[in-house]
Protein backbone atom coordinates (compact mmCIF):
# COMPACT_ATOMS: atom_id res chain seq x y z
CA MET A 1 -11.55 -15.82 -21.12
CA LEU A 2 -9.49 -13.50 -18.91
CA PRO A 3 -11.39 -10.33 -19.90
CA VAL A 4 -14.63 -12.07 -18.92
CA ILE A 5 -13.24 -12.87 -15.48
CA THR A 6 -12.07 -9.28 -15.07
CA PHE A 7 -15.49 -8.00 -16.07
CA VAL A 8 -17.28 -10.31 -13.64
CA GLY A 9 -14.96 -9.27 -10.81
CA LEU A 10 -15.61 -5.59 -11.46
CA GLN A 11 -19.36 -6.14 -11.80
CA LEU A 12 -19.47 -7.62 -8.31
CA GLY A 13 -18.50 -4.20 -6.94
CA PHE A 14 -21.31 -2.57 -8.88
CA LEU A 15 -23.73 -5.23 -7.63
CA LEU A 16 -22.77 -4.50 -4.03
CA GLY A 17 -23.30 -0.79 -4.60
CA GLY A 18 -26.56 -1.42 -6.42
CA THR A 19 -28.01 -3.34 -3.49
CA VAL A 20 -28.21 -0.12 -1.51
CA ILE A 21 -30.32 1.53 -4.20
CA VAL A 22 -32.54 -1.46 -5.04
CA GLU A 23 -33.24 -2.42 -1.44
CA THR A 24 -34.08 1.18 -0.55
CA ILE A 25 -36.43 1.71 -3.50
CA PHE A 26 -38.30 -1.58 -3.15
CA ALA A 27 -38.10 -1.73 0.68
CA TRP A 28 -36.46 -5.16 0.61
CA PRO A 29 -34.60 -6.24 3.73
CA GLY A 30 -30.87 -6.63 3.29
CA ILE A 31 -27.51 -5.07 3.97
CA GLY A 32 -28.21 -2.15 1.63
CA ARG A 33 -31.40 -1.23 3.44
CA LEU A 34 -29.66 -1.76 6.78
CA LEU A 35 -26.90 0.62 5.70
CA VAL A 36 -29.36 3.34 4.65
CA ASP A 37 -31.41 2.98 7.85
CA SER A 38 -28.26 3.19 9.96
CA ILE A 39 -27.20 6.34 8.11
CA TYR A 40 -30.56 7.96 8.88
CA ALA A 41 -30.28 6.88 12.52
CA ARG A 42 -26.62 8.01 12.72
CA ASP A 43 -25.54 4.62 14.02
CA PHE A 44 -21.86 4.97 13.19
CA ALA A 45 -20.81 1.56 14.48
CA LEU A 46 -23.32 -0.17 12.23
CA ILE A 47 -22.30 2.00 9.27
CA GLN A 48 -18.66 1.02 9.81
CA GLY A 49 -19.62 -2.64 10.07
CA CYS A 50 -21.63 -2.59 6.85
CA VAL A 51 -18.93 -0.74 4.94
CA LEU A 52 -16.27 -3.10 6.29
CA PHE A 53 -18.36 -6.13 5.28
CA ILE A 54 -18.87 -4.81 1.74
CA ALA A 55 -15.16 -3.94 1.44
CA VAL A 56 -14.10 -7.42 2.58
CA ILE A 57 -16.46 -9.09 0.10
CA PHE A 58 -15.11 -6.87 -2.69
CA ALA A 59 -11.49 -7.62 -1.72
CA LEU A 60 -12.18 -11.36 -1.60
CA ALA A 61 -13.78 -11.18 -5.05
CA ASN A 62 -10.68 -9.46 -6.42
CA LEU A 63 -8.48 -12.09 -4.78
CA ALA A 64 -10.58 -14.83 -6.37
CA VAL A 65 -10.17 -13.15 -9.77
CA ASP A 66 -6.38 -13.07 -9.33
CA VAL A 67 -6.27 -16.73 -8.34
CA LEU A 68 -8.46 -17.65 -11.32
CA TYR A 69 -6.02 -15.84 -13.61
CA ALA A 70 -3.20 -18.13 -12.51
CA TYR A 71 -5.42 -21.20 -12.74
CA LEU A 72 -6.78 -20.51 -16.24
CA ASP A 73 -3.70 -19.05 -17.94
CA PRO A 74 -0.53 -21.14 -17.58
CA ARG A 75 1.63 -18.17 -18.57
CA ILE A 76 0.63 -16.41 -15.35
CA ARG A 77 2.15 -18.10 -12.33
CA TYR A 78 2.85 -16.88 -8.83
CA GLU A 79 6.27 -18.12 -7.85
CA LYS A 80 8.98 -17.18 -5.40
CA LYS A 81 12.32 -16.00 -6.74
């Protein structure tokens, strides 16, 4: 079960990166298209905001994977020593 959780957590990063490509190719509105349009317009504040948003979502997904490890496997516990 743990390898599946790891795989899903890593795939979320690929999904976030894939949104840029898919939204650009199919002209769908979304954060990927917004990021590409802001790159073309050289809107650095918007680029930083989009990258920060994607990084926070990715970090929260990794945190959720770590918490799920401790929840699903009783051998893994986070404790103070």
